[in-house]
PDB file of N, CA and C in Angstrom:
ATOM      1  N   MET A   1     -15.377  -3.110 -10.114  1.00  0.00           N
ATOM      2  CA  MET A   1     -14.549  -2.708  -9.002  1.00  0.00           C
ATOM      3  C   MET A   1     -15.196  -1.499  -8.332  1.00  0.00           C
ATOM      4  N   SER A   2     -15.238  -1.497  -7.028  1.00  0.00           N
ATOM      5  CA  SER A   2     -15.910  -0.402  -6.335  1.00  0.00           C
ATOM      6  C   SER A   2     -15.052   0.857  -6.348  1.00  0.00           C
ATOM      7  N   SER A   3     -15.730   1.990  -6.235  1.00  0.00           N
ATOM      8  CA  SER A   3     -15.012   3.267  -6.256  1.00  0.00           C
ATOM      9  C   SER A   3     -14.169   3.457  -5.003  1.00  0.00           C
ATOM     10  N   ARG A   4     -14.539   2.809  -3.912  1.00  0.00           N
ATOM     11  CA  ARG A   4     -13.743   2.929  -2.683  1.00  0.00           C
ATOM     12  C   ARG A   4     -12.372   2.289  -2.853  1.00  0.00           C
ATOM     13  N   MET A   5     -12.312   1.194  -3.593  1.00  0.00           N
ATOM     14  CA  MET A   5     -11.026   0.533  -3.806  1.00  0.00           C
ATOM     15  C   MET A   5     -10.114   1.383  -4.665  1.00  0.00           C
ATOM     16  N   GLN A   6     -10.674   2.187  -5.553  1.00  0.00           N
ATOM     17  CA  GLN A   6      -9.861   3.028  -6.414  1.00  0.00           C
ATOM     18  C   GLN A   6      -9.246   4.189  -5.645  1.00  0.00           C
ATOM     19  N   MET A   7      -9.750   4.488  -4.459  1.00  0.00           N
ATOM     20  CA  MET A   7      -9.231   5.601  -3.668  1.00  0.00           C
ATOM     21  C   MET A   7      -7.928   5.242  -2.964  1.00  0.00           C
ATOM     22  N   LEU A   8      -7.662   3.960  -2.751  1.00  0.00           N
ATOM     23  CA  LEU A   8      -6.441   3.543  -2.084  1.00  0.00           C
ATOM     24  C   LEU A   8      -5.311   3.436  -3.103  1.00  0.00           C
ATOM     25  N   PRO A   9      -4.114   3.913  -2.755  1.00  0.00           N
ATOM     26  CA  PRO A   9      -3.008   3.898  -3.719  1.00  0.00           C
ATOM     27  C   PRO A   9      -2.477   2.491  -3.959  1.00  0.00           C
ATOM     28  N   VAL A  10      -2.270   2.174  -5.226  1.00  0.00           N
ATOM     29  CA  VAL A  10      -1.681   0.892  -5.604  1.00  0.00           C
ATOM     30  C   VAL A  10      -0.571   1.183  -6.611  1.00  0.00           C
ATOM     31  N   PRO A  11       0.686   1.003  -6.215  1.00  0.00           N
ATOM     32  CA  PRO A  11       1.795   1.237  -7.145  1.00  0.00           C
ATOM     33  C   PRO A  11       1.723   0.305  -8.347  1.00  0.00           C
ATOM     34  N   ASN A  12       2.230   0.766  -9.460  1.00  0.00           N
ATOM     35  CA  ASN A  12       2.216   0.008 -10.708  1.00  0.00           C
ATOM     36  C   ASN A  12       3.491  -0.831 -10.804  1.00  0.00           C
ATOM     37  N   VAL A  13       3.454  -2.016 -10.197  1.00  0.00           N
ATOM     38  CA  VAL A  13       4.599  -2.926 -10.209  1.00  0.00           C
ATOM     39  C   VAL A  13       4.135  -4.312 -10.661  1.00  0.00           C
ATOM     40  N   ASN A  14       5.078  -5.218 -10.805  1.00  0.00           N
ATOM     41  CA  ASN A  14       4.815  -6.605 -11.182  1.00  0.00           C
ATOM     42  C   ASN A  14       3.797  -7.230 -10.224  1.00  0.00           C
ATOM     43  N   ARG A  15       2.987  -8.164 -10.721  1.00  0.00           N
ATOM     44  CA  ARG A  15       1.956  -8.807  -9.897  1.00  0.00           C
ATOM     45  C   ARG A  15       2.533  -9.527  -8.684  1.00  0.00           C
ATOM     46  N   VAL A  16       3.634 -10.224  -8.871  1.00  0.00           N
ATOM     47  CA  VAL A  16       4.248 -10.967  -7.765  1.00  0.00           C
ATOM     48  C   VAL A  16       4.755  -9.998  -6.704  1.00  0.00           C
ATOM     49  N   VAL A  17       5.389  -8.927  -7.138  1.00  0.00           N
ATOM     50  CA  VAL A  17       5.890  -7.906  -6.211  1.00  0.00           C
ATOM     51  C   VAL A  17       4.726  -7.260  -5.478  1.00  0.00           C
ATOM     52  N   LEU A  18       3.651  -6.961  -6.200  1.00  0.00           N
ATOM     53  CA  LEU A  18       2.482  -6.332  -5.587  1.00  0.00           C
ATOM     54  C   LEU A  18       1.850  -7.256  -4.554  1.00  0.00           C
ATOM     55  N   PHE A  19       1.762  -8.545  -4.854  1.00  0.00           N
ATOM     56  CA  PHE A  19       1.215  -9.518  -3.904  1.00  0.00           C
ATOM     57  C   PHE A  19       2.076  -9.570  -2.647  1.00  0.00           C
ATOM     58  N   PHE A  20       3.405  -9.669  -2.828  1.00  0.00           N
ATOM     59  CA  PHE A  20       4.322  -9.716  -1.688  1.00  0.00           C
ATOM     60  C   PHE A  20       4.224  -8.443  -0.853  1.00  0.00           C
ATOM     61  N   CYS A  21       4.199  -7.286  -1.510  1.00  0.00           N
ATOM     62  CA  CYS A  21       4.115  -6.015  -0.786  1.00  0.00           C
ATOM     63  C   CYS A  21       2.774  -5.880  -0.069  1.00  0.00           C
ATOM     64  N   GLY A  22       1.714  -6.435  -0.654  1.00  0.00           N
ATOM     65  CA  GLY A  22       0.418  -6.443   0.024  1.00  0.00           C
ATOM     66  C   GLY A  22       0.474  -7.260   1.305  1.00  0.00           C
ATOM     67  N   LEU A  23       1.146  -8.411   1.251  1.00  0.00           N
ATOM     68  CA  LEU A  23       1.309  -9.229   2.456  1.00  0.00           C
ATOM     69  C   LEU A  23       2.147  -8.507   3.505  1.00  0.00           C
ATOM     70  N   VAL A  24       3.209  -7.848   3.061  1.00  0.00           N
ATOM     71  CA  VAL A  24       4.047  -7.081   3.991  1.00  0.00           C
ATOM     72  C   VAL A  24       3.222  -5.975   4.636  1.00  0.00           C
ATOM     73  N   ASN A  25       2.367  -5.326   3.852  1.00  0.00           N
ATOM     74  CA  ASN A  25       1.546  -4.239   4.373  1.00  0.00           C
ATOM     75  C   ASN A  25       0.550  -4.745   5.417  1.00  0.00           C
ATOM     76  N   LEU A  26       0.107  -5.995   5.293  1.00  0.00           N
ATOM     77  CA  LEU A  26      -0.798  -6.562   6.291  1.00  0.00           C
ATOM     78  C   LEU A  26      -0.093  -6.747   7.631  1.00  0.00           C
ATOM     79  N   GLY A  27       1.173  -7.144   7.597  1.00  0.00           N
ATOM     80  CA  GLY A  27       1.906  -7.413   8.829  1.00  0.00           C
ATOM     81  C   GLY A  27       2.652  -6.221   9.393  1.00  0.00           C
ATOM     82  N   LEU A  28       3.203  -5.395   8.521  1.00  0.00           N
ATOM     83  CA  LEU A  28       3.971  -4.219   8.939  1.00  0.00           C
ATOM     84  C   LEU A  28       3.335  -2.983   8.304  1.00  0.00           C
ATOM     85  N   PRO A  29       2.464  -2.315   9.017  1.00  0.00           N
ATOM     86  CA  PRO A  29       1.694  -1.206   8.440  1.00  0.00           C
ATOM     87  C   PRO A  29       2.565  -0.153   7.757  1.00  0.00           C
ATOM     88  N   GLY A  30       2.258   0.098   6.489  1.00  0.00           N
ATOM     89  CA  GLY A  30       2.939   1.122   5.715  1.00  0.00           C
ATOM     90  C   GLY A  30       4.168   0.648   4.971  1.00  0.00           C
ATOM     91  N   PHE A  31       4.850  -0.381   5.471  1.00  0.00           N
ATOM     92  CA  PHE A  31       6.094  -0.826   4.853  1.00  0.00           C
ATOM     93  C   PHE A  31       5.875  -1.440   3.476  1.00  0.00           C
ATOM     94  N   GLY A  32       4.778  -2.148   3.292  1.00  0.00           N
ATOM     95  CA  GLY A  32       4.501  -2.746   1.990  1.00  0.00           C
ATOM     96  C   GLY A  32       4.299  -1.698   0.918  1.00  0.00           C
ATOM     97  N   LEU A  33       3.562  -0.645   1.257  1.00  0.00           N
ATOM     98  CA  LEU A  33       3.331   0.439   0.300  1.00  0.00           C
ATOM     99  C   LEU A  33       4.629   1.183   0.005  1.00  0.00           C
ATOM    100  N   MET A  34       5.421   1.447   1.040  1.00  0.00           N
ATOM    101  CA  MET A  34       6.687   2.144   0.822  1.00  0.00           C
ATOM    102  C   MET A  34       7.653   1.293  -0.004  1.00  0.00           C
ATOM    103  N   LEU A  35       7.685  -0.013   0.240  1.00  0.00           N
ATOM    104  CA  LEU A  35       8.547  -0.911  -0.528  1.00  0.00           C
ATOM    105  C   LEU A  35       8.121  -0.945  -1.995  1.00  0.00           C
ATOM    106  N   ALA A  36       6.819  -1.088  -2.239  1.00  0.00           N
ATOM    107  CA  ALA A  36       6.325  -1.109  -3.621  1.00  0.00           C
ATOM    108  C   ALA A  36       6.580   0.220  -4.315  1.00  0.00           C
ATOM    109  N   THR A  37       6.488   1.315  -3.581  1.00  0.00           N
ATOM    110  CA  THR A  37       6.745   2.635  -4.151  1.00  0.00           C
ATOM    111  C   THR A  37       8.207   2.772  -4.551  1.00  0.00           C
ATOM    112  N   CYS A  38       9.112   2.276  -3.717  1.00  0.00           N
ATOM    113  CA  CYS A  38      10.541   2.330  -4.061  1.00  0.00           C
ATOM    114  C   CYS A  38      10.848   1.454  -5.270  1.00  0.00           C
ATOM    115  N   ILE A  39      10.203   0.302  -5.361  1.00  0.00           N
ATOM    116  CA  ILE A  39      10.423  -0.582  -6.505  1.00  0.00           C
ATOM    117  C   ILE A  39       9.848   0.033  -7.770  1.00  0.00           C
ATOM    118  N   GLU A  40       8.677   0.678  -7.658  1.00  0.00           N
ATOM    119  CA  GLU A  40       8.047   1.307  -8.822  1.00  0.00           C
ATOM    120  C   GLU A  40       8.910   2.434  -9.370  1.00  0.00           C
ATOM    121  N   ASN A  41       9.458   3.262  -8.484  1.00  0.00           N
ATOM    122  CA  ASN A  41      10.353   4.366  -8.844  1.00  0.00           C
ATOM    123  C   ASN A  41       9.725   5.311  -9.871  1.00  0.00           C
ATOM    124  N   ASN A  42       8.498   5.718  -9.619  1.00  0.00           N
ATOM    125  CA  ASN A  42       7.794   6.675 -10.471  1.00  0.00           C
ATOM    126  C   ASN A  42       7.829   8.039  -9.786  1.00  0.00           C
ATOM    127  N   PRO A  43       8.528   9.022 -10.350  1.00  0.00           N
ATOM    128  CA  PRO A  43       8.649  10.319  -9.682  1.00  0.00           C
ATOM    129  C   PRO A  43       7.317  11.057  -9.528  1.00  0.00           C
ATOM    130  N   LEU A  44       6.316  10.716 -10.334  1.00  0.00           N
ATOM    131  CA  LEU A  44       5.022  11.402 -10.237  1.00  0.00           C
ATOM    132  C   LEU A  44       4.230  10.979  -9.005  1.00  0.00           C
ATOM    133  N   THR A  45       4.376   9.728  -8.580  1.00  0.00           N
ATOM    134  CA  THR A  45       3.605   9.234  -7.436  1.00  0.00           C
ATOM    135  C   THR A  45       4.469   8.929  -6.219  1.00  0.00           C
ATOM    136  N   PHE A  46       5.778   9.063  -6.341  1.00  0.00           N
ATOM    137  CA  PHE A  46       6.682   8.659  -5.262  1.00  0.00           C
ATOM    138  C   PHE A  46       6.371   9.373  -3.949  1.00  0.00           C
ATOM    139  N   ARG A  47       6.295  10.692  -3.985  1.00  0.00           N
ATOM    140  CA  ARG A  47       6.088  11.455  -2.745  1.00  0.00           C
ATOM    141  C   ARG A  47       4.757  11.136  -2.089  1.00  0.00           C
ATOM    142  N   SER A  48       3.690  11.096  -2.888  1.00  0.00           N
ATOM    143  CA  SER A  48       2.369  10.865  -2.291  1.00  0.00           C
ATOM    144  C   SER A  48       2.264   9.458  -1.706  1.00  0.00           C
ATOM    145  N   HIS A  49       2.785   8.453  -2.413  1.00  0.00           N
ATOM    146  CA  HIS A  49       2.723   7.088  -1.884  1.00  0.00           C
ATOM    147  C   HIS A  49       3.608   6.933  -0.652  1.00  0.00           C
ATOM    148  N   MET A  50       4.777   7.560  -0.649  1.00  0.00           N
ATOM    149  CA  MET A  50       5.644   7.484   0.530  1.00  0.00           C
ATOM    150  C   MET A  50       5.004   8.176   1.726  1.00  0.00           C
ATOM    151  N   HIS A  51       4.386   9.327   1.497  1.00  0.00           N
ATOM    152  CA  HIS A  51       3.704  10.023   2.594  1.00  0.00           C
ATOM    153  C   HIS A  51       2.567   9.176   3.154  1.00  0.00           C
ATOM    154  N   ILE A  52       1.830   8.511   2.284  1.00  0.00           N
ATOM    155  CA  ILE A  52       0.737   7.654   2.747  1.00  0.00           C
ATOM    156  C   ILE A  52       1.289   6.480   3.551  1.00  0.00           C
ATOM    157  N   GLY A  53       2.369   5.867   3.093  1.00  0.00           N
ATOM    158  CA  GLY A  53       2.991   4.775   3.835  1.00  0.00           C
ATOM    159  C   GLY A  53       3.496   5.220   5.198  1.00  0.00           C
ATOM    160  N   ILE A  54       4.098   6.389   5.260  1.00  0.00           N
ATOM    161  CA  ILE A  54       4.586   6.924   6.538  1.00  0.00           C
ATOM    162  C   ILE A  54       3.419   7.227   7.468  1.00  0.00           C
ATOM    163  N   MET A  55       2.345   7.784   6.920  1.00  0.00           N
ATOM    164  CA  MET A  55       1.168   8.078   7.747  1.00  0.00           C
ATOM    165  C   MET A  55       0.529   6.787   8.264  1.00  0.00           C
ATOM    166  N   GLN A  56       0.500   5.746   7.444  1.00  0.00           N
ATOM    167  CA  GLN A  56      -0.027   4.462   7.912  1.00  0.00           C
ATOM    168  C   GLN A  56       0.812   3.948   9.071  1.00  0.00           C
ATOM    169  N   LEU A  57       2.113   4.083   8.958  1.00  0.00           N
ATOM    170  CA  LEU A  57       3.009   3.629  10.017  1.00  0.00           C
ATOM    171  C   LEU A  57       2.813   4.444  11.294  1.00  0.00           C
ATOM    172  N   LEU A  58       2.786   5.762  11.166  1.00  0.00           N
ATOM    173  CA  LEU A  58       2.648   6.617  12.345  1.00  0.00           C
ATOM    174  C   LEU A  58       1.274   6.494  12.999  1.00  0.00           C
ATOM    175  N   LEU A  59       0.230   6.374  12.195  1.00  0.00           N
ATOM    176  CA  LEU A  59      -1.122   6.280  12.745  1.00  0.00           C
ATOM    177  C   LEU A  59      -1.426   4.906  13.329  1.00  0.00           C
ATOM    178  N   THR A  60      -0.496   3.968  13.190  1.00  0.00           N
ATOM    179  CA  THR A  60      -0.669   2.667  13.832  1.00  0.00           C
ATOM    180  C   THR A  60      -0.713   2.839  15.348  1.00  0.00           C
ATOM    181  N   LEU A  61      -0.052   3.863  15.841  1.00  0.00           N
ATOM    182  CA  LEU A  61      -0.040   4.121  17.282  1.00  0.00           C
ATOM    183  C   LEU A  61      -1.430   4.419  17.822  1.00  0.00           C
ATOM    184  N   VAL A  62      -2.315   4.939  16.986  1.00  0.00           N
ATOM    185  CA  VAL A  62      -3.691   5.220  17.422  1.00  0.00           C
ATOM    186  C   VAL A  62      -4.679   4.285  16.724  1.00  0.00           C
ATOM    187  N   VAL A  63      -4.227   3.158  16.254  1.00  0.00           N
ATOM    188  CA  VAL A  63      -4.987   2.055  15.670  1.00  0.00           C
ATOM    189  C   VAL A  63      -5.563   2.365  14.286  1.00  0.00           C
ATOM    190  N   ILE A  64      -5.783   3.611  13.945  1.00  0.00           N
ATOM    191  CA  ILE A  64      -6.350   3.966  12.639  1.00  0.00           C
ATOM    192  C   ILE A  64      -5.431   3.486  11.517  1.00  0.00           C
ATOM    193  N   GLY A  65      -4.139   3.673  11.681  1.00  0.00           N
ATOM    194  CA  GLY A  65      -3.175   3.283  10.657  1.00  0.00           C
ATOM    195  C   GLY A  65      -3.169   1.794  10.388  1.00  0.00           C
ATOM    196  N   PHE A  66      -3.436   0.997  11.434  1.00  0.00           N
ATOM    197  CA  PHE A  66      -3.473  -0.450  11.245  1.00  0.00           C
ATOM    198  C   PHE A  66      -4.608  -0.835  10.303  1.00  0.00           C
ATOM    199  N   PHE A  67      -5.799  -0.280  10.535  1.00  0.00           N
ATOM    200  CA  PHE A  67      -6.940  -0.600   9.675  1.00  0.00           C
ATOM    201  C   PHE A  67      -6.753  -0.056   8.265  1.00  0.00           C
ATOM    202  N   TRP A  68      -6.184   1.142   8.160  1.00  0.00           N
ATOM    203  CA  TRP A  68      -5.924   1.755   6.857  1.00  0.00           C
ATOM    204  C   TRP A  68      -4.915   0.912   6.080  1.00  0.00           C
ATOM    205  N   SER A  69      -3.849   0.498   6.753  1.00  0.00           N
ATOM    206  CA  SER A  69      -2.821  -0.315   6.119  1.00  0.00           C
ATOM    207  C   SER A  69      -3.365  -1.692   5.749  1.00  0.00           C
ATOM    208  N   PHE A  70      -4.198  -2.260   6.612  1.00  0.00           N
ATOM    209  CA  PHE A  70      -4.795  -3.562   6.326  1.00  0.00           C
ATOM    210  C   PHE A  70      -5.665  -3.480   5.074  1.00  0.00           C
ATOM    211  N   ALA A  71      -6.494  -2.435   4.992  1.00  0.00           N
ATOM    212  CA  ALA A  71      -7.349  -2.250   3.811  1.00  0.00           C
ATOM    213  C   ALA A  71      -6.504  -2.059   2.558  1.00  0.00           C
ATOM    214  N   ASN A  72      -5.444  -1.278   2.672  1.00  0.00           N
ATOM    215  CA  ASN A  72      -4.566  -1.048   1.529  1.00  0.00           C
ATOM    216  C   ASN A  72      -3.859  -2.336   1.112  1.00  0.00           C
ATOM    217  N   GLY A  73      -3.432  -3.140   2.073  1.00  0.00           N
ATOM    218  CA  GLY A  73      -2.801  -4.418   1.764  1.00  0.00           C
ATOM    219  C   GLY A  73      -3.751  -5.371   1.060  1.00  0.00           C
ATOM    220  N   VAL A  74      -5.005  -5.413   1.510  1.00  0.00           N
ATOM    221  CA  VAL A  74      -6.004  -6.268   0.863  1.00  0.00           C
ATOM    222  C   VAL A  74      -6.240  -5.812  -0.572  1.00  0.00           C
ATOM    223  N   VAL A  75      -6.317  -4.506  -0.788  1.00  0.00           N
ATOM    224  CA  VAL A  75      -6.519  -3.980  -2.144  1.00  0.00           C
ATOM    225  C   VAL A  75      -5.317  -4.311  -3.026  1.00  0.00           C
ATOM    226  N   MET A  76      -4.110  -4.207  -2.482  1.00  0.00           N
ATOM    227  CA  MET A  76      -2.915  -4.543  -3.260  1.00  0.00           C
ATOM    228  C   MET A  76      -2.930  -6.019  -3.656  1.00  0.00           C
ATOM    229  N   ILE A  77      -3.313  -6.890  -2.732  1.00  0.00           N
ATOM    230  CA  ILE A  77      -3.401  -8.321  -3.040  1.00  0.00           C
ATOM    231  C   ILE A  77      -4.490  -8.564  -4.077  1.00  0.00           C
ATOM    232  N   PHE A  78      -5.631  -7.896  -3.930  1.00  0.00           N
ATOM    233  CA  PHE A  78      -6.726  -8.046  -4.894  1.00  0.00           C
ATOM    234  C   PHE A  78      -6.279  -7.640  -6.292  1.00  0.00           C
ATOM    235  N   TYR A  79      -5.602  -6.493  -6.398  1.00  0.00           N
ATOM    236  CA  TYR A  79      -5.110  -6.036  -7.701  1.00  0.00           C
ATOM    237  C   TYR A  79      -4.084  -7.003  -8.282  1.00  0.00           C
ATOM    238  N   SER A  80      -3.272  -7.630  -7.434  1.00  0.00           N
ATOM    239  CA  SER A  80      -2.263  -8.557  -7.953  1.00  0.00           C
ATOM    240  C   SER A  80      -2.894  -9.838  -8.490  1.00  0.00           C
ATOM    241  N   LEU A  81      -4.064 -10.187  -8.000  1.00  0.00           N
ATOM    242  CA  LEU A  81      -4.727 -11.414  -8.438  1.00  0.00           C
ATOM    243  C   LEU A  81      -5.636 -11.203  -9.639  1.00  0.00           C
ATOM    244  N   THR A  82      -5.944  -9.949  -9.965  1.00  0.00           N
ATOM    245  CA  THR A  82      -6.842  -9.691 -11.107  1.00  0.00           C
ATOM    246  C   THR A  82      -6.073  -9.234 -12.320  1.00  0.00           C
TER     247      THR A  82
END
């Protein structure tokens, strides 16, 4: 696994949930990560993952968030399949 993929946050949830949230993240930037974070309910990573999801959503207005969210969604799907 490449080190770049390890830099993107992936919540520790069920594989099916992670796959679904990855698909949601592809279509609705940031929402998949925020949904998976709420399902994970880990107080140690909750704030950072929620902030990243919100930033993906807000930065969609300047296109950067769309690509960031797309990459994060692909990584979430990849992790769910491995």
